Amino acid sequence: MFSREESKQIREQFWIFFGKRHPRKWLLYDTKIKEINLKFSFDTIKAIVSFDIETHDDIFRTYYYEKFESLKNLLKAEISEEIILDQEYLRSSGKIISRIYVEKNGVNIHNKTHWPEVFEFFYTEMPKFELFWYEYQEFITA
C-alpha cells in the first residue's frame, strides 16, 4: 500500500509523463459548455475516457444525457461498440453525474508497468471523443 502522499506523487508522475509522451492540447474542459467536459481518469482499477455531464441541475443533466443517448448508434460506430452510457454514474466523491465512456480494466496507476498501455489507450480513444464532439456539438447543445 502507498501512503496518501506517495499515491499523490505517483499520480502526478503519471500525468507529467503522459504529457511529455503525448504533448498536445486536448479539448477536455474547452467544450464551450460548462456542464460537459471530456475527461481522462485513471485509478487503481481502471482507466476511462469520457464525456462527463456535471451540473447541480438534474434537468440540464438529463437533457444533455438524452441528447447523447439519442446518438448512441453513432457513438458505438464512431467511438466504440463498448461505449457505456450511464445516466447516474456515482463518482468516488459521492457526486452523481452522467457519464458516457470507454474503459480499460485491470490497470493500476500505482503499477508503472501499466502506464504505457494506458498512455496508448488515452492517446487512441480521446481523439475519437474529440472528433465526435466537434461533429455533433451543435446537436448536443441545441
N, C-alpha and C. Protein backbone atom coordinates (compact mmCIF):
# COMPACT_ATOMS: atom_id res chain seq x y z
N MET A 1 0.84 -1.20 0.00
CA MET A 1 0.00 0.00 0.00
C MET A 1 0.87 1.24 0.00
N PHE A 2 0.32 2.26 -0.57
CA PHE A 2 1.01 3.54 -0.62
C PHE A 2 0.32 4.52 0.32
N SER A 3 1.12 5.39 0.89
CA SER A 3 0.53 6.45 1.71
C SER A 3 -0.20 7.41 0.77
N ARG A 4 -1.02 8.25 1.33
CA ARG A 4 -1.75 9.24 0.53
C ARG A 4 -0.78 10.13 -0.24
N GLU A 5 0.29 10.54 0.40
CA GLU A 5 1.28 11.41 -0.24
C GLU A 5 2.01 10.66 -1.37
N GLU A 6 2.39 9.40 -1.12
CA GLU A 6 3.06 8.61 -2.16
C GLU A 6 2.13 8.41 -3.36
N SER A 7 0.87 8.12 -3.10
CA SER A 7 -0.11 7.94 -4.17
C SER A 7 -0.26 9.23 -4.98
N LYS A 8 -0.31 10.35 -4.30
CA LYS A 8 -0.42 11.64 -4.98
C LYS A 8 0.79 11.87 -5.89
N GLN A 9 1.98 11.56 -5.41
CA GLN A 9 3.19 11.74 -6.20
C GLN A 9 3.20 10.83 -7.43
N ILE A 10 2.75 9.60 -7.25
CA ILE A 10 2.69 8.67 -8.38
C ILE A 10 1.71 9.18 -9.43
N ARG A 11 0.55 9.66 -9.00
CA ARG A 11 -0.45 10.21 -9.92
C ARG A 11 0.12 11.41 -10.68
N GLU A 12 0.80 12.29 -9.96
CA GLU A 12 1.41 13.45 -10.61
C GLU A 12 2.44 13.01 -11.65
N GLN A 13 3.27 12.02 -11.29
CA GLN A 13 4.27 11.49 -12.23
C GLN A 13 3.61 10.94 -13.49
N PHE A 14 2.52 10.20 -13.29
CA PHE A 14 1.83 9.64 -14.45
C PHE A 14 1.42 10.74 -15.42
N TRP A 15 0.75 11.79 -14.91
CA TRP A 15 0.24 12.84 -15.79
C TRP A 15 1.38 13.64 -16.42
N ILE A 16 2.47 13.83 -15.70
CA ILE A 16 3.63 14.51 -16.28
C ILE A 16 4.21 13.67 -17.41
N PHE A 17 4.39 12.39 -17.18
CA PHE A 17 4.94 11.51 -18.22
C PHE A 17 4.00 11.41 -19.41
N PHE A 18 2.70 11.35 -19.15
CA PHE A 18 1.74 11.30 -20.26
C PHE A 18 1.85 12.57 -21.11
N GLY A 19 1.92 13.72 -20.45
CA GLY A 19 2.04 14.98 -21.18
C GLY A 19 3.31 15.07 -21.99
N LYS A 20 4.40 14.51 -21.46
CA LYS A 20 5.66 14.51 -22.21
C LYS A 20 5.63 13.54 -23.37
N ARG A 21 4.98 12.42 -23.17
CA ARG A 21 4.91 11.40 -24.23
C ARG A 21 3.96 11.81 -25.35
N HIS A 22 2.89 12.49 -25.00
CA HIS A 22 1.88 12.92 -25.97
C HIS A 22 1.60 14.40 -25.80
N PRO A 23 2.56 15.24 -26.18
CA PRO A 23 2.38 16.69 -25.98
C PRO A 23 1.43 17.29 -27.02
N ARG A 24 0.23 17.51 -26.62
CA ARG A 24 -0.73 18.20 -27.47
C ARG A 24 -1.81 18.81 -26.60
N LYS A 25 -2.51 19.75 -27.15
CA LYS A 25 -3.59 20.39 -26.40
C LYS A 25 -4.87 19.58 -26.63
N TRP A 26 -5.36 18.96 -25.58
CA TRP A 26 -6.58 18.18 -25.66
C TRP A 26 -7.77 19.11 -25.43
N LEU A 27 -8.91 18.74 -25.97
CA LEU A 27 -10.12 19.55 -25.83
C LEU A 27 -10.56 19.64 -24.36
N LEU A 28 -10.71 18.53 -23.69
CA LEU A 28 -11.06 18.40 -22.28
C LEU A 28 -12.12 19.39 -21.80
N TYR A 29 -11.74 20.43 -21.07
CA TYR A 29 -12.72 21.35 -20.49
C TYR A 29 -13.15 22.44 -21.46
N ASP A 30 -12.58 22.48 -22.64
CA ASP A 30 -12.81 23.57 -23.58
C ASP A 30 -13.95 23.27 -24.55
N THR A 31 -15.02 22.64 -24.07
CA THR A 31 -16.15 22.30 -24.94
C THR A 31 -17.06 23.51 -25.19
N LYS A 32 -16.85 24.56 -24.46
CA LYS A 32 -17.67 25.78 -24.50
C LYS A 32 -19.03 25.59 -23.83
N ILE A 33 -19.27 24.43 -23.26
CA ILE A 33 -20.48 24.14 -22.49
C ILE A 33 -20.00 23.71 -21.10
N LYS A 34 -20.27 24.55 -20.10
CA LYS A 34 -19.68 24.29 -18.78
C LYS A 34 -20.14 22.98 -18.16
N GLU A 35 -21.28 22.47 -18.58
CA GLU A 35 -21.79 21.22 -17.99
C GLU A 35 -21.17 19.96 -18.61
N ILE A 36 -20.51 20.09 -19.77
CA ILE A 36 -19.98 18.93 -20.48
C ILE A 36 -18.47 19.06 -20.63
N ASN A 37 -17.75 18.05 -20.14
CA ASN A 37 -16.30 18.01 -20.26
C ASN A 37 -15.85 16.66 -20.78
N LEU A 38 -14.73 16.65 -21.46
CA LEU A 38 -14.08 15.41 -21.80
C LEU A 38 -13.05 15.15 -20.72
N LYS A 39 -12.92 13.90 -20.32
CA LYS A 39 -12.02 13.60 -19.20
C LYS A 39 -11.20 12.34 -19.46
N PHE A 40 -9.99 12.38 -18.89
CA PHE A 40 -9.16 11.21 -18.71
C PHE A 40 -9.27 10.87 -17.22
N SER A 41 -9.44 9.62 -16.88
CA SER A 41 -9.44 9.20 -15.48
C SER A 41 -8.62 7.92 -15.38
N PHE A 42 -7.84 7.81 -14.32
CA PHE A 42 -7.03 6.61 -14.10
C PHE A 42 -6.89 6.43 -12.60
N ASP A 43 -7.26 5.25 -12.12
CA ASP A 43 -7.15 4.96 -10.70
C ASP A 43 -6.51 3.60 -10.50
N THR A 44 -6.81 2.94 -9.42
CA THR A 44 -6.15 1.68 -9.12
C THR A 44 -6.83 0.46 -9.73
N ILE A 45 -7.93 0.67 -10.46
CA ILE A 45 -8.61 -0.49 -11.07
C ILE A 45 -8.93 -0.32 -12.55
N LYS A 46 -8.92 0.94 -13.05
CA LYS A 46 -9.27 1.12 -14.45
C LYS A 46 -8.87 2.51 -14.94
N ALA A 47 -8.85 2.63 -16.27
CA ALA A 47 -8.64 3.92 -16.93
C ALA A 47 -9.89 4.21 -17.75
N ILE A 48 -10.27 5.48 -17.83
CA ILE A 48 -11.50 5.88 -18.50
C ILE A 48 -11.25 7.11 -19.36
N VAL A 49 -11.87 7.13 -20.53
CA VAL A 49 -12.00 8.35 -21.34
C VAL A 49 -13.49 8.59 -21.43
N SER A 50 -13.92 9.84 -21.14
CA SER A 50 -15.36 10.06 -21.01
C SER A 50 -15.81 11.47 -21.38
N PHE A 51 -17.10 11.54 -21.68
CA PHE A 51 -17.84 12.78 -21.63
C PHE A 51 -18.50 12.78 -20.26
N ASP A 52 -18.23 13.78 -19.46
CA ASP A 52 -18.87 13.91 -18.15
C ASP A 52 -19.85 15.07 -18.19
N ILE A 53 -21.07 14.80 -17.79
CA ILE A 53 -22.10 15.84 -17.70
C ILE A 53 -22.28 16.11 -16.22
N GLU A 54 -21.79 17.27 -15.79
CA GLU A 54 -21.80 17.63 -14.38
C GLU A 54 -22.53 18.95 -14.19
N THR A 55 -23.61 18.89 -13.45
CA THR A 55 -24.35 20.10 -13.11
C THR A 55 -25.21 19.81 -11.89
N HIS A 56 -25.48 20.84 -11.13
CA HIS A 56 -26.36 20.68 -9.96
C HIS A 56 -27.82 20.60 -10.38
N ASP A 57 -28.09 20.97 -11.61
CA ASP A 57 -29.46 20.98 -12.12
C ASP A 57 -29.74 19.67 -12.85
N ASP A 58 -30.52 18.80 -12.22
CA ASP A 58 -30.82 17.50 -12.81
C ASP A 58 -31.54 17.61 -14.15
N ILE A 59 -32.29 18.68 -14.36
CA ILE A 59 -32.99 18.86 -15.63
C ILE A 59 -31.99 19.04 -16.76
N PHE A 60 -30.96 19.87 -16.55
CA PHE A 60 -29.94 20.06 -17.58
C PHE A 60 -29.14 18.78 -17.80
N ARG A 61 -28.80 18.11 -16.70
CA ARG A 61 -28.03 16.86 -16.82
C ARG A 61 -28.81 15.84 -17.63
N THR A 62 -30.09 15.70 -17.33
CA THR A 62 -30.94 14.77 -18.07
C THR A 62 -31.08 15.19 -19.53
N TYR A 63 -31.25 16.47 -19.77
CA TYR A 63 -31.38 16.99 -21.14
C TYR A 63 -30.16 16.61 -21.98
N TYR A 64 -28.97 16.93 -21.46
CA TYR A 64 -27.76 16.62 -22.22
C TYR A 64 -27.54 15.12 -22.35
N TYR A 65 -27.81 14.37 -21.29
CA TYR A 65 -27.65 12.92 -21.36
C TYR A 65 -28.55 12.34 -22.45
N GLU A 66 -29.80 12.78 -22.51
CA GLU A 66 -30.73 12.27 -23.52
C GLU A 66 -30.27 12.61 -24.93
N LYS A 67 -29.60 13.74 -25.10
CA LYS A 67 -29.04 14.08 -26.41
C LYS A 67 -27.99 13.04 -26.81
N PHE A 68 -27.08 12.73 -25.87
CA PHE A 68 -26.07 11.71 -26.15
C PHE A 68 -26.73 10.36 -26.39
N GLU A 69 -27.73 10.04 -25.58
CA GLU A 69 -28.41 8.75 -25.72
C GLU A 69 -29.05 8.61 -27.10
N SER A 70 -29.58 9.71 -27.63
CA SER A 70 -30.18 9.65 -28.96
C SER A 70 -29.14 9.41 -30.05
N LEU A 71 -27.87 9.64 -29.72
CA LEU A 71 -26.77 9.42 -30.66
C LEU A 71 -26.04 8.10 -30.38
N LYS A 72 -26.66 7.23 -29.61
CA LYS A 72 -26.00 6.01 -29.16
C LYS A 72 -25.43 5.17 -30.30
N ASN A 73 -26.19 5.00 -31.37
CA ASN A 73 -25.69 4.21 -32.50
C ASN A 73 -24.46 4.86 -33.13
N LEU A 74 -24.47 6.18 -33.21
CA LEU A 74 -23.30 6.89 -33.75
C LEU A 74 -22.12 6.81 -32.79
N LEU A 75 -22.37 6.90 -31.50
CA LEU A 75 -21.31 6.74 -30.51
C LEU A 75 -20.64 5.37 -30.66
N LYS A 76 -21.46 4.34 -30.82
CA LYS A 76 -20.93 2.99 -30.99
C LYS A 76 -20.14 2.86 -32.29
N ALA A 77 -20.64 3.46 -33.36
CA ALA A 77 -19.97 3.35 -34.64
C ALA A 77 -18.69 4.18 -34.71
N GLU A 78 -18.70 5.36 -34.11
CA GLU A 78 -17.58 6.28 -34.27
C GLU A 78 -16.56 6.25 -33.13
N ILE A 79 -16.98 5.79 -31.98
CA ILE A 79 -16.03 5.72 -30.85
C ILE A 79 -15.72 4.26 -30.52
N SER A 80 -16.75 3.50 -30.09
CA SER A 80 -16.51 2.10 -29.74
C SER A 80 -17.84 1.38 -29.51
N GLU A 81 -17.90 0.15 -29.94
CA GLU A 81 -19.06 -0.69 -29.63
C GLU A 81 -19.19 -0.90 -28.13
N GLU A 82 -18.09 -0.73 -27.42
CA GLU A 82 -18.05 -0.96 -25.98
C GLU A 82 -18.39 0.29 -25.16
N ILE A 83 -18.83 1.35 -25.79
CA ILE A 83 -19.11 2.59 -25.06
C ILE A 83 -20.25 2.36 -24.07
N ILE A 84 -20.12 2.99 -22.91
CA ILE A 84 -21.10 2.84 -21.84
C ILE A 84 -21.78 4.18 -21.62
N LEU A 85 -23.10 4.19 -21.57
CA LEU A 85 -23.86 5.39 -21.25
C LEU A 85 -24.48 5.17 -19.88
N ASP A 86 -24.11 6.01 -18.93
CA ASP A 86 -24.58 5.85 -17.56
C ASP A 86 -25.17 7.19 -17.09
N GLN A 87 -26.48 7.22 -16.99
CA GLN A 87 -27.16 8.46 -16.62
C GLN A 87 -26.88 8.86 -15.17
N GLU A 88 -26.64 7.88 -14.31
CA GLU A 88 -26.39 8.19 -12.90
C GLU A 88 -25.12 7.49 -12.43
N TYR A 89 -24.01 7.98 -12.91
CA TYR A 89 -22.70 7.46 -12.54
C TYR A 89 -22.30 8.05 -11.19
N LEU A 90 -21.96 7.18 -10.26
CA LEU A 90 -21.56 7.62 -8.92
C LEU A 90 -20.04 7.74 -8.87
N ARG A 91 -19.56 8.97 -8.72
CA ARG A 91 -18.12 9.20 -8.61
C ARG A 91 -17.66 8.82 -7.21
N SER A 92 -16.36 8.60 -7.06
CA SER A 92 -15.82 8.21 -5.75
C SER A 92 -16.06 9.30 -4.71
N SER A 93 -16.27 10.53 -5.15
CA SER A 93 -16.56 11.64 -4.23
C SER A 93 -17.98 11.58 -3.69
N GLY A 94 -18.81 10.70 -4.27
CA GLY A 94 -20.21 10.61 -3.87
C GLY A 94 -21.14 11.43 -4.75
N LYS A 95 -20.57 12.20 -5.67
CA LYS A 95 -21.36 13.03 -6.57
C LYS A 95 -21.89 12.17 -7.73
N ILE A 96 -23.15 12.40 -8.08
CA ILE A 96 -23.75 11.70 -9.22
C ILE A 96 -23.66 12.60 -10.45
N ILE A 97 -23.11 12.04 -11.52
CA ILE A 97 -23.01 12.73 -12.80
C ILE A 97 -23.56 11.80 -13.86
N SER A 98 -23.68 12.28 -15.08
CA SER A 98 -23.94 11.40 -16.22
C SER A 98 -22.61 11.25 -16.94
N ARG A 99 -22.32 10.03 -17.35
CA ARG A 99 -21.03 9.76 -17.98
C ARG A 99 -21.23 8.85 -19.19
N ILE A 100 -20.58 9.22 -20.27
CA ILE A 100 -20.55 8.42 -21.49
C ILE A 100 -19.07 8.07 -21.66
N TYR A 101 -18.72 6.79 -21.64
CA TYR A 101 -17.30 6.46 -21.52
C TYR A 101 -16.91 5.10 -22.09
N VAL A 102 -15.60 4.98 -22.29
CA VAL A 102 -14.97 3.69 -22.56
C VAL A 102 -13.96 3.48 -21.44
N GLU A 103 -13.72 2.23 -21.11
CA GLU A 103 -12.81 1.95 -20.00
C GLU A 103 -11.86 0.83 -20.34
N LYS A 104 -10.73 0.86 -19.67
CA LYS A 104 -9.73 -0.20 -19.75
C LYS A 104 -9.57 -0.72 -18.34
N ASN A 105 -10.01 -1.94 -18.13
CA ASN A 105 -9.96 -2.56 -16.80
C ASN A 105 -8.64 -3.28 -16.58
N GLY A 106 -8.36 -3.56 -15.32
CA GLY A 106 -7.17 -4.35 -14.98
C GLY A 106 -5.87 -3.57 -15.02
N VAL A 107 -5.97 -2.24 -14.95
CA VAL A 107 -4.76 -1.42 -14.90
C VAL A 107 -4.77 -0.64 -13.60
N ASN A 108 -3.59 -0.31 -13.12
CA ASN A 108 -3.45 0.33 -11.81
C ASN A 108 -2.45 1.47 -11.94
N ILE A 109 -2.86 2.67 -11.60
CA ILE A 109 -1.98 3.83 -11.71
C ILE A 109 -0.72 3.68 -10.86
N HIS A 110 -0.78 2.88 -9.80
CA HIS A 110 0.39 2.67 -8.96
C HIS A 110 1.39 1.70 -9.58
N ASN A 111 0.98 0.97 -10.60
CA ASN A 111 1.86 0.00 -11.26
C ASN A 111 2.40 0.64 -12.54
N LYS A 112 3.64 1.09 -12.48
CA LYS A 112 4.23 1.81 -13.61
C LYS A 112 4.37 0.96 -14.87
N THR A 113 4.32 -0.36 -14.73
CA THR A 113 4.37 -1.20 -15.93
C THR A 113 3.07 -1.10 -16.73
N HIS A 114 1.99 -0.62 -16.10
CA HIS A 114 0.72 -0.43 -16.80
C HIS A 114 0.67 0.90 -17.55
N TRP A 115 1.55 1.81 -17.22
CA TRP A 115 1.47 3.15 -17.78
C TRP A 115 1.51 3.19 -19.31
N PRO A 116 2.45 2.48 -19.98
CA PRO A 116 2.47 2.56 -21.45
C PRO A 116 1.15 2.11 -22.09
N GLU A 117 0.54 1.09 -21.52
CA GLU A 117 -0.74 0.58 -22.01
C GLU A 117 -1.84 1.64 -21.86
N VAL A 118 -1.83 2.36 -20.75
CA VAL A 118 -2.83 3.41 -20.52
C VAL A 118 -2.52 4.64 -21.37
N PHE A 119 -1.23 4.98 -21.53
CA PHE A 119 -0.88 6.08 -22.44
C PHE A 119 -1.48 5.82 -23.81
N GLU A 120 -1.30 4.61 -24.31
CA GLU A 120 -1.81 4.25 -25.64
C GLU A 120 -3.34 4.27 -25.68
N PHE A 121 -3.96 3.76 -24.64
CA PHE A 121 -5.43 3.79 -24.55
C PHE A 121 -5.94 5.22 -24.62
N PHE A 122 -5.38 6.10 -23.80
CA PHE A 122 -5.81 7.51 -23.80
C PHE A 122 -5.56 8.14 -25.17
N TYR A 123 -4.37 7.91 -25.71
CA TYR A 123 -3.98 8.55 -26.97
C TYR A 123 -4.82 8.04 -28.15
N THR A 124 -5.29 6.83 -28.07
CA THR A 124 -6.13 6.25 -29.12
C THR A 124 -7.59 6.67 -28.97
N GLU A 125 -8.10 6.70 -27.75
CA GLU A 125 -9.52 6.93 -27.53
C GLU A 125 -9.93 8.41 -27.49
N MET A 126 -9.14 9.26 -26.87
CA MET A 126 -9.55 10.66 -26.73
C MET A 126 -9.78 11.35 -28.07
N PRO A 127 -8.96 11.14 -29.09
CA PRO A 127 -9.25 11.79 -30.38
C PRO A 127 -10.62 11.40 -30.95
N LYS A 128 -11.05 10.17 -30.70
CA LYS A 128 -12.38 9.75 -31.16
C LYS A 128 -13.47 10.57 -30.46
N PHE A 129 -13.29 10.78 -29.16
CA PHE A 129 -14.25 11.59 -28.40
C PHE A 129 -14.24 13.04 -28.90
N GLU A 130 -13.04 13.57 -29.13
CA GLU A 130 -12.94 14.95 -29.61
C GLU A 130 -13.61 15.11 -30.97
N LEU A 131 -13.33 14.20 -31.88
CA LEU A 131 -13.95 14.27 -33.21
C LEU A 131 -15.47 14.17 -33.11
N PHE A 132 -15.94 13.28 -32.25
CA PHE A 132 -17.38 13.14 -32.06
C PHE A 132 -17.96 14.46 -31.56
N TRP A 133 -17.31 15.08 -30.61
CA TRP A 133 -17.79 16.36 -30.07
C TRP A 133 -17.86 17.42 -31.17
N TYR A 134 -16.77 17.54 -31.93
CA TYR A 134 -16.76 18.56 -32.99
C TYR A 134 -17.86 18.31 -34.01
N GLU A 135 -18.11 17.05 -34.31
CA GLU A 135 -19.13 16.71 -35.32
C GLU A 135 -20.55 16.95 -34.82
N TYR A 136 -20.83 16.67 -33.55
CA TYR A 136 -22.21 16.68 -33.06
C TYR A 136 -22.50 17.72 -31.98
N GLN A 137 -21.56 18.60 -31.70
CA GLN A 137 -21.76 19.55 -30.61
C GLN A 137 -22.97 20.46 -30.84
N GLU A 138 -23.22 20.85 -32.07
CA GLU A 138 -24.38 21.73 -32.33
C GLU A 138 -25.67 21.01 -31.98
N PHE A 139 -25.77 19.74 -32.33
CA PHE A 139 -26.97 18.98 -31.97
C PHE A 139 -27.08 18.80 -30.46
N ILE A 140 -25.98 18.46 -29.82
CA ILE A 140 -26.00 18.20 -28.38
C ILE A 140 -26.36 19.44 -27.60
N THR A 141 -25.89 20.59 -28.04
CA THR A 141 -26.09 21.81 -27.27
C THR A 141 -27.30 22.63 -27.71
N ALA A 142 -28.00 22.17 -28.74
CA ALA A 142 -29.16 22.93 -29.24
C ALA A 142 -30.36 22.78 -28.31
